[in-house]
Amino acid sequence: MLTMSVVRIVSYNIHKGMSALGKRESVQELRLGLHGLRADLAFLQEVQGRNDKSGTLHEQHEMLAAALRLEAAYGRNAVYRHSDHGNALLSRFPILSHQNQDISDHRLEQRGLLHARVGIGGHEVHCFVVHLGLFAGSRSRQVGALVSRIEEVVPSSDPILIAGDFNDWTNVLSDILVERLGLHEVFATAPRGNNVELPRLRDSVRMLGRVLRGGEASPWRLRPGFQGPPKLGMGNELMAPRPPRTFPAIFPWLRLDRIYQRGFSVRQASVLYGRPWTRLSDHAPLLAELELP
């Protein structure tokens, strides 16, 4: 009898444990928020591994992992005089190994690629936590490094999860991952009707007005939504929906964050708007539920 492993995945840029505007620490609220999501795998970006000035911001991956009873892997990318930060993977499953690859494209942006092998239901799943650069040329070369690593070290039959802050607001990188690696973005393959409704610009403006007036932060909570029917391309082929808007969390307009998968089926995918998320970081988190045969 075949058994399926259901995996809940979160991708979240946690803004170094600070609020969206960086005026207060949010790491304790973040711990509670992640606990409520019951994630099996959390792909986190901008995680502080060291903070010599604030103990509550120090070793955030270890603190969150202990509170959530998960294993942790951390890849240090950016190093400063009193702190450092990078990517982290928190896992309910055994982390078999992990390695951080420097994919910095220039000295102004220190970027890394965290690759962890995780054992899930008899499978070895390759998990990649990424945070790409702000410049298009840098992102292209960094995705090239990601593709090269996967082609070199990941067997073609092994499942893959890639999640993080791609800074790809023009959505030009997906084709490379689909064509070269057979990956799919989770919102492109999630069943219609299972996604949380994505905000339109006028709704985002109304939401921002409510926030500025001190009202409710967002009308979008974890409720069922509908993205509308698939659109037809010029050749009458079905076009996959675009990734959701995730930045800034208080006024979601740019499509920066992604979850890609290979070897899974997507049960549902959501972007989490409203409180408490608008208070915790400048990005909105992504949540996906996948099945692994």
Protein backbone atom coordinates (compact mmCIF):
# COMPACT_ATOMS: atom_id res chain seq x y z
CA MET A 1 0.00 0.00 0.00
CA LEU A 2 1.41 3.38 -1.00
CA THR A 3 1.72 6.04 1.69
CA MET A 4 1.96 9.76 1.11
CA SER A 5 4.00 12.22 3.12
CA VAL A 6 2.21 15.55 3.54
CA VAL A 7 4.64 18.41 4.10
CA ARG A 8 3.75 21.95 5.21
CA ILE A 9 6.29 24.49 3.94
CA VAL A 10 6.82 28.12 4.88
CA SER A 11 9.07 30.58 3.08
CA TYR A 12 9.67 33.83 4.97
CA ASN A 13 12.09 36.75 4.91
CA ILE A 14 12.07 37.58 8.63
CA HIS A 15 13.88 40.95 8.29
CA LYS A 16 16.49 40.03 10.95
CA GLY A 17 13.79 39.70 13.61
CA MET A 18 12.70 43.31 13.29
CA SER A 19 9.37 44.90 12.39
CA ALA A 20 8.69 46.11 8.86
CA LEU A 21 10.11 49.57 9.56
CA GLY A 22 12.91 48.21 11.75
CA LYS A 23 11.79 50.15 14.82
CA ARG A 24 11.16 47.24 17.20
CA GLU A 25 12.10 43.63 17.72
CA SER A 26 9.51 41.15 16.49
CA VAL A 27 11.27 37.84 16.99
CA GLN A 28 9.10 36.68 19.92
CA GLU A 29 5.90 37.40 17.96
CA LEU A 30 7.52 35.67 15.00
CA ARG A 31 8.03 32.56 17.10
CA LEU A 32 4.33 32.50 17.99
CA GLY A 33 3.30 33.12 14.40
CA LEU A 34 5.43 30.27 13.05
CA HIS A 35 4.19 27.97 15.80
CA GLY A 36 0.62 28.55 14.68
CA LEU A 37 1.46 27.55 11.11
CA ARG A 38 2.66 24.06 12.18
CA ALA A 39 5.30 24.05 9.46
CA ASP A 40 7.37 20.96 8.78
CA LEU A 41 9.96 22.95 6.84
CA ALA A 42 10.64 26.68 7.23
CA PHE A 43 12.85 28.36 4.63
CA LEU A 44 13.94 31.59 6.33
CA GLN A 45 15.93 34.51 4.95
CA GLU A 46 17.65 37.43 6.72
CA VAL A 47 18.19 35.38 9.87
CA GLN A 48 20.67 36.78 12.37
CA GLY A 49 23.19 34.21 13.51
CA ARG A 50 25.16 36.70 15.58
CA ASN A 51 24.21 39.96 17.27
CA ASP A 52 26.69 41.20 19.85
CA LYS A 53 24.47 44.11 20.89
CA SER A 54 21.15 42.35 21.51
CA GLY A 55 20.89 38.90 23.03
CA THR A 56 17.29 38.51 21.91
CA LEU A 57 18.40 38.88 18.28
CA HIS A 58 21.34 36.47 18.63
CA GLU A 59 21.27 32.97 17.07
CA GLN A 60 17.73 33.36 15.81
CA HIS A 61 17.76 30.03 13.97
CA GLU A 62 18.66 28.19 17.18
CA MET A 63 16.07 30.06 19.24
CA LEU A 64 13.28 29.45 16.74
CA ALA A 65 14.27 25.81 16.25
CA ALA A 66 14.25 25.16 20.00
CA ALA A 67 10.88 26.86 20.47
CA LEU A 68 9.31 24.99 17.56
CA ARG A 69 11.10 21.70 18.29
CA LEU A 70 12.72 21.58 14.88
CA GLU A 71 16.23 20.92 13.64
CA ALA A 72 18.15 23.87 12.20
CA ALA A 73 20.76 24.56 9.54
CA TYR A 74 22.22 28.04 9.09
CA GLY A 75 24.23 29.58 6.26
CA ARG A 76 26.03 32.83 7.12
CA ASN A 77 26.14 35.28 4.23
CA ALA A 78 26.55 38.90 5.34
CA VAL A 79 29.14 39.68 8.04
CA TYR A 80 29.36 42.98 9.90
CA ARG A 81 31.33 44.21 12.89
CA HIS A 82 28.70 43.32 15.50
CA SER A 83 26.41 40.92 13.64
CA ASP A 84 25.92 38.54 10.75
CA HIS A 85 22.89 37.18 8.94
CA GLY A 86 22.00 34.66 6.28
CA ASN A 87 19.59 31.88 5.39
CA ALA A 88 18.25 29.11 7.62
CA LEU A 89 16.26 25.92 7.24
CA LEU A 90 14.15 24.65 10.14
CA SER A 91 13.01 21.05 9.74
CA ARG A 92 10.76 18.58 11.52
CA PHE A 93 12.57 15.88 9.56
CA PRO A 94 16.20 14.81 10.02
CA ILE A 95 18.71 17.14 8.35
CA LEU A 96 21.23 14.70 6.87
CA SER A 97 23.76 17.32 5.79
CA HIS A 98 23.97 20.96 4.79
CA GLN A 99 26.35 23.28 2.98
CA ASN A 100 26.36 27.01 2.29
CA GLN A 101 27.66 28.22 -1.07
CA ASP A 102 28.79 31.81 -1.58
CA ILE A 103 26.99 33.20 -4.64
CA SER A 104 27.85 36.87 -4.05
CA ASP A 105 28.02 38.72 -7.36
CA HIS A 106 29.74 41.86 -6.11
CA ARG A 107 31.07 43.25 -2.86
CA LEU A 108 28.01 45.39 -2.11
CA GLU A 109 25.71 42.36 -1.67
CA GLN A 110 26.76 39.23 0.21
CA ARG A 111 24.53 36.36 -0.88
CA GLY A 112 24.54 32.65 -0.18
CA LEU A 113 22.82 29.44 -1.21
CA LEU A 114 21.97 27.05 1.65
CA HIS A 115 21.63 23.44 0.47
CA ALA A 116 20.34 20.88 2.98
CA ARG A 117 19.58 17.19 2.45
CA VAL A 118 16.50 16.18 4.44
CA GLY A 119 15.09 12.68 4.99
CA ILE A 120 11.32 12.56 4.41
CA GLY A 121 9.39 9.29 4.27
CA GLY A 122 12.24 7.25 2.83
CA HIS A 123 13.18 9.98 0.34
CA GLU A 124 16.19 12.24 0.33
CA VAL A 125 14.81 15.71 -0.39
CA HIS A 126 17.17 18.49 -1.44
CA CYS A 127 16.16 21.81 0.13
CA PHE A 128 17.62 25.09 -1.07
CA VAL A 129 17.12 28.40 0.78
CA VAL A 130 17.92 31.38 -1.43
CA HIS A 131 18.02 35.15 -1.22
CA LEU A 132 19.02 36.65 -4.55
CA GLY A 133 20.45 40.07 -5.35
CA LEU A 134 18.76 43.35 -6.13
CA PHE A 135 20.18 43.67 -9.64
CA ALA A 136 18.86 41.69 -12.61
CA GLY A 137 22.31 40.66 -13.82
CA SER A 138 23.24 39.40 -10.37
CA ARG A 139 20.04 37.38 -10.06
CA SER A 140 20.60 35.79 -13.45
CA ARG A 141 24.12 34.70 -12.54
CA GLN A 142 23.02 33.51 -9.10
CA VAL A 143 20.24 31.38 -10.57
CA GLY A 144 22.84 30.03 -12.96
CA ALA A 145 24.94 28.99 -9.97
CA LEU A 146 21.88 27.35 -8.40
CA VAL A 147 21.10 25.42 -11.58
CA SER A 148 24.72 24.32 -11.97
CA ARG A 149 24.86 23.04 -8.39
CA ILE A 150 21.66 21.06 -8.79
CA GLU A 151 22.77 19.57 -12.10
CA GLU A 152 26.11 18.57 -10.56
CA VAL A 153 25.16 17.17 -7.15
CA VAL A 154 21.42 16.29 -7.14
CA PRO A 155 20.33 13.02 -8.79
CA SER A 156 17.67 13.62 -11.44
CA SER A 157 15.18 11.40 -9.59
CA ASP A 158 15.48 13.15 -6.20
CA PRO A 159 12.76 15.57 -5.01
CA ILE A 160 13.72 19.24 -4.74
CA LEU A 161 12.37 22.21 -2.81
CA ILE A 162 13.67 25.72 -3.47
CA ALA A 163 12.25 28.65 -1.54
CA GLY A 164 13.18 32.17 -0.61
CA ASP A 165 13.34 35.82 -1.57
CA PHE A 166 14.15 35.82 -5.29
CA ASN A 167 13.73 39.61 -5.72
CA ASP A 168 12.37 38.59 -9.13
CA TRP A 169 9.58 41.17 -9.45
CA THR A 170 9.61 40.84 -13.27
CA ASN A 171 9.22 37.03 -13.01
CA VAL A 172 11.90 36.21 -15.60
CA LEU A 173 13.72 33.45 -13.70
CA SER A 174 11.00 30.80 -13.56
CA ASP A 175 11.49 29.70 -17.17
CA ILE A 176 15.11 28.77 -16.44
CA LEU A 177 14.15 26.60 -13.47
CA VAL A 178 11.29 24.95 -15.34
CA GLU A 179 13.24 24.21 -18.52
CA ARG A 180 16.58 23.18 -17.01
CA LEU A 181 15.45 21.39 -13.85
CA GLY A 182 11.78 20.44 -14.31
CA LEU A 183 10.74 22.58 -11.34
CA HIS A 184 7.33 24.19 -10.86
CA GLU A 185 6.31 27.22 -8.81
CA VAL A 186 3.67 26.09 -6.30
CA PHE A 187 1.05 28.73 -7.16
CA ALA A 188 1.25 27.69 -10.81
CA THR A 189 0.17 24.12 -10.01
CA ALA A 190 -2.00 24.53 -6.89
CA PRO A 191 -5.67 23.53 -7.33
CA ARG A 192 -7.78 26.53 -8.25
CA GLY A 193 -9.84 27.77 -5.35
CA ASN A 194 -7.38 26.61 -2.68
CA ASN A 195 -5.27 29.76 -2.82
CA VAL A 196 -5.82 32.79 -0.65
CA GLU A 197 -7.17 35.64 -2.74
CA LEU A 198 -4.43 37.91 -4.01
CA PRO A 199 -4.93 41.64 -3.47
CA ARG A 200 -5.54 44.03 -6.32
CA LEU A 201 -3.91 47.44 -6.33
CA ARG A 202 -7.05 49.30 -5.26
CA ASP A 203 -7.50 46.82 -2.39
CA SER A 204 -3.91 47.41 -1.30
CA VAL A 205 -4.51 51.17 -1.30
CA ARG A 206 -7.61 50.72 0.86
CA MET A 207 -5.66 48.47 3.20
CA LEU A 208 -2.87 51.03 3.55
CA GLY A 209 -5.44 53.72 4.33
CA ARG A 210 -6.90 51.57 7.11
CA VAL A 211 -3.44 50.97 8.57
CA LEU A 212 -2.60 54.67 8.55
CA ARG A 213 -5.91 55.41 10.28
CA GLY A 214 -5.15 52.78 12.90
CA GLY A 215 -7.75 50.30 11.69
CA GLU A 216 -7.53 46.62 10.80
CA ALA A 217 -4.36 45.84 8.88
CA SER A 218 -5.84 43.70 6.14
CA PRO A 219 -9.02 42.04 4.90
CA TRP A 220 -7.01 38.99 3.78
CA ARG A 221 -6.55 36.31 6.37
CA LEU A 222 -6.29 32.56 5.91
CA ARG A 223 -9.61 32.32 4.10
CA PRO A 224 -10.36 30.48 0.87
CA GLY A 225 -10.03 32.66 -2.20
CA PHE A 226 -10.27 32.39 -5.93
CA GLN A 227 -7.75 33.75 -8.43
CA GLY A 228 -10.07 33.56 -11.39
CA PRO A 229 -9.95 31.16 -14.32
CA PRO A 230 -6.62 30.44 -16.04
CA LYS A 231 -5.87 32.93 -18.80
CA LEU A 232 -5.22 32.05 -22.43
CA GLY A 233 -1.99 32.99 -24.14
CA MET A 234 -1.62 34.17 -27.73
CA GLY A 235 -1.57 30.57 -28.94
CA ASN A 236 -4.63 29.71 -26.82
CA GLU A 237 -2.48 27.75 -24.40
CA LEU A 238 -3.30 27.98 -20.70
CA MET A 239 -1.05 30.43 -18.87
CA ALA A 240 -0.02 29.72 -15.28
CA PRO A 241 -0.97 32.41 -12.74
CA ARG A 242 1.76 34.77 -11.68
CA PRO A 243 3.36 34.39 -8.24
CA PRO A 244 1.63 36.35 -5.46
CA ARG A 245 2.47 39.83 -4.26
CA THR A 246 4.48 39.66 -1.03
CA PHE A 247 6.30 42.98 -0.57
CA PRO A 248 5.92 45.21 1.30
CA ALA A 249 3.75 43.23 3.70
CA ILE A 250 1.70 46.28 4.65
CA PHE A 251 1.13 47.22 1.00
CA PRO A 252 1.74 44.04 -1.03
CA TRP A 253 2.59 44.94 -4.58
CA LEU A 254 5.90 43.36 -5.67
CA ARG A 255 6.16 39.62 -6.40
CA LEU A 256 9.45 38.77 -4.69
CA ASP A 257 9.06 35.44 -2.89
CA ARG A 258 8.82 31.95 -4.39
CA ILE A 259 8.50 28.26 -3.59
CA TYR A 260 9.54 25.84 -6.35
CA GLN A 261 9.20 22.07 -6.18
CA ARG A 262 10.03 18.91 -8.09
CA GLY A 263 8.63 15.48 -7.28
CA PHE A 264 5.69 16.70 -5.17
CA SER A 265 2.03 17.34 -5.83
CA VAL A 266 0.65 20.66 -4.57
CA ARG A 267 -2.43 20.45 -2.34
CA GLN A 268 -2.68 24.16 -1.63
CA ALA A 269 -0.66 27.37 -1.60
CA SER A 270 -1.34 30.57 0.33
CA VAL A 271 0.20 33.97 0.90
CA LEU A 272 -0.45 35.24 4.42
CA TYR A 273 -1.68 38.82 4.53
CA GLY A 274 -2.87 40.93 7.45
CA ARG A 275 -2.06 40.71 11.13
CA PRO A 276 0.08 39.47 12.70
CA TRP A 277 2.26 39.28 9.59
CA THR A 278 2.25 43.00 8.79
CA ARG A 279 3.76 43.59 12.25
CA LEU A 280 6.52 41.00 12.01
CA SER A 281 8.48 41.72 8.82
CA ASP A 282 8.48 43.70 5.61
CA HIS A 283 7.62 40.54 3.60
CA ALA A 284 4.47 38.44 3.70
CA PRO A 285 5.17 34.71 4.20
CA LEU A 286 4.24 31.94 1.78
CA LEU A 287 2.63 28.70 2.99
CA ALA A 288 2.27 25.55 0.87
CA GLU A 289 1.03 22.04 1.57
CA LEU A 290 2.63 19.36 -0.62
CA GLU A 291 2.40 15.60 -0.98
CA LEU A 292 5.40 13.35 -1.54
CA PRO A 293 4.62 9.84 -2.89
